[in-house]
Amino acid sequence: MRTDKWLSEIEKFARKANHFRVYDLLDLMKTSGIPVSRATVYRAIKKLLSVGKIVQISNERERMFEFVNEQIHYHFKCKNCGEMFEFFSETIDNSIKEGTRKFKILLTGQNLILEGFCRSCCRRKNAKRKRNYNG
């Protein structure tokens, strides 16, 4: 089946996934009984990117996407489990606005991803340290 015919179906599943990688989308669709090829999903993502419906929110090594949101937001990604969530910050927004005015630059896009360890992974690391320390 042609990519154009799959596009709306893939878009529907991508919206459910929130932040997604290609293989997340493939798994979600196959679990739902929709047999779609990896090539078709890649072509659909390329089309969604080109029309500005989605943006890439990760580095080149691990491509993650999300649908464009009118409200500016930022991302945190756990380096251990890969969990990603978004947050909003007026302080960061104001700093960016101040910087663009100060340096007289025209901002055409932004992508802020903070990396570290989520609460769950920190708890697991601390528990593991305590076990190792206590012998």
Protein backbone atom coordinates (compact mmCIF):
# COMPACT_ATOMS: atom_id res chain seq x y z
CA MET A 1 0.00 0.00 0.00
CA ARG A 2 1.26 3.47 -0.80
CA THR A 3 2.57 5.74 1.96
CA ASP A 4 -0.11 8.37 1.26
CA LYS A 5 -2.82 5.84 2.10
CA TRP A 6 -1.04 4.95 5.35
CA LEU A 7 -0.23 8.53 6.31
CA SER A 8 -3.40 9.28 8.30
CA GLU A 9 -3.22 5.93 10.11
CA ILE A 10 0.45 6.42 11.01
CA GLU A 11 -0.27 9.99 12.12
CA LYS A 12 -3.08 8.77 14.39
CA PHE A 13 -0.77 6.28 16.12
CA ALA A 14 2.07 8.81 16.35
CA ARG A 15 -0.23 11.26 18.14
CA LYS A 16 -1.09 8.55 20.69
CA ALA A 17 2.61 7.85 21.26
CA ASN A 18 3.43 11.48 22.24
CA HIS A 19 7.27 11.31 21.99
CA PHE A 20 8.14 8.46 19.66
CA ARG A 21 10.89 6.65 17.81
CA VAL A 22 10.26 4.80 14.57
CA TYR A 23 10.47 1.40 16.24
CA ASP A 24 8.04 2.55 19.00
CA LEU A 25 5.55 3.43 16.31
CA LEU A 26 6.09 0.14 14.48
CA ASP A 27 5.56 -1.84 17.70
CA LEU A 28 2.43 0.12 18.58
CA MET A 29 0.90 -0.45 15.15
CA LYS A 30 1.80 -4.13 14.96
CA THR A 31 0.44 -4.71 18.48
CA SER A 32 -2.81 -3.17 17.25
CA GLY A 33 -2.89 -5.61 14.32
CA ILE A 34 -1.88 -3.13 11.63
CA PRO A 35 0.79 -4.64 9.36
CA VAL A 36 2.89 -1.71 8.18
CA SER A 37 6.45 -1.85 6.90
CA ARG A 38 9.34 0.03 8.43
CA ALA A 39 10.00 1.74 5.10
CA THR A 40 6.43 3.04 4.99
CA VAL A 41 6.73 4.46 8.52
CA TYR A 42 10.05 6.15 7.63
CA ARG A 43 8.49 7.70 4.51
CA ALA A 44 5.46 8.88 6.50
CA ILE A 45 7.71 10.46 9.13
CA LYS A 46 9.70 12.20 6.40
CA LYS A 47 6.45 13.65 5.01
CA LEU A 48 5.22 14.73 8.45
CA LEU A 49 8.58 16.45 9.04
CA SER A 50 8.52 18.19 5.67
CA VAL A 51 5.06 19.69 6.23
CA GLY A 52 5.98 20.78 9.75
CA LYS A 53 3.56 18.55 11.66
CA ILE A 54 6.31 16.88 13.68
CA VAL A 55 9.79 17.86 14.82
CA GLN A 56 12.84 15.86 15.77
CA ILE A 57 13.62 16.35 19.45
CA SER A 58 16.73 14.24 19.89
CA ASN A 59 20.26 13.94 18.68
CA GLU A 60 21.27 12.30 15.42
CA ARG A 61 22.17 9.01 17.12
CA GLU A 62 18.69 8.29 18.43
CA ARG A 63 15.95 10.03 16.48
CA MET A 64 12.87 10.84 18.54
CA PHE A 65 9.94 12.90 17.31
CA GLU A 66 6.91 14.75 18.60
CA PHE A 67 4.01 16.67 17.11
CA VAL A 68 4.47 20.42 16.95
CA ASN A 69 3.05 22.15 19.97
CA GLU A 70 2.25 25.85 19.83
CA GLN A 71 3.44 26.34 23.41
CA ILE A 72 7.21 26.42 23.83
CA HIS A 73 8.43 23.62 26.02
CA TYR A 74 11.58 21.74 26.90
CA HIS A 75 12.54 18.12 27.41
CA PHE A 76 14.27 15.95 29.97
CA LYS A 77 15.64 12.56 28.94
CA CYS A 78 16.87 9.91 31.35
CA LYS A 79 20.27 8.56 30.29
CA ASN A 80 19.51 5.23 31.95
CA CYS A 81 15.96 4.18 31.04
CA GLY A 82 15.35 6.59 28.13
CA GLU A 83 12.19 8.12 29.63
CA MET A 84 11.48 11.53 28.15
CA PHE A 85 9.08 14.13 29.45
CA GLU A 86 8.41 17.75 28.67
CA PHE A 87 8.23 20.74 30.95
CA PHE A 88 7.52 24.45 30.68
CA SER A 89 9.62 27.29 32.09
CA GLU A 90 8.94 31.01 31.91
CA THR A 91 12.43 31.60 33.31
CA ILE A 92 14.08 29.80 30.38
CA ASP A 93 11.69 31.49 27.91
CA ASN A 94 12.58 34.93 29.29
CA SER A 95 16.32 34.18 29.20
CA ILE A 96 16.09 33.15 25.56
CA LYS A 97 14.09 36.29 24.66
CA GLU A 98 16.60 38.46 26.52
CA GLY A 99 19.52 36.77 24.75
CA THR A 100 18.00 37.19 21.29
CA ARG A 101 17.38 40.90 21.96
CA LYS A 102 20.84 41.43 23.46
CA PHE A 103 22.70 39.75 20.59
CA LYS A 104 20.23 40.97 17.93
CA ILE A 105 19.57 37.53 16.50
CA LEU A 106 16.51 36.12 14.80
CA LEU A 107 15.62 32.82 16.42
CA THR A 108 14.17 30.35 13.90
CA GLY A 109 13.96 27.33 16.17
CA GLN A 110 15.03 25.91 19.46
CA ASN A 111 15.58 22.51 20.97
CA LEU A 112 16.52 22.07 24.61
CA ILE A 113 16.95 18.55 25.93
CA LEU A 114 18.30 18.16 29.44
CA GLU A 115 19.86 14.79 30.18
CA GLY A 116 20.41 13.08 33.49
CA PHE A 117 18.77 10.39 35.59
CA CYS A 118 15.06 10.27 36.39
CA ARG A 119 13.80 9.83 39.93
CA SER A 120 13.24 6.07 39.54
CA CYS A 121 16.72 5.44 38.17
CA CYS A 122 18.29 7.59 40.92
CA ARG A 123 16.48 5.54 43.54
CA ARG A 124 17.68 2.29 41.97
CA LYS A 125 21.28 3.59 41.79
CA ASN A 126 21.18 4.71 45.44
CA ALA A 127 19.69 1.40 46.56
CA LYS A 128 22.38 -0.47 44.65
CA ARG A 129 25.13 1.68 46.22
CA LYS A 130 23.75 1.05 49.70
CA ARG A 131 23.68 -2.72 49.12
CA ASN A 132 27.24 -2.70 47.81
CA TYR A 133 28.44 -0.51 50.68
CA ASN A 134 26.82 -2.64 53.36
CA GLY A 135 28.40 -5.72 51.96
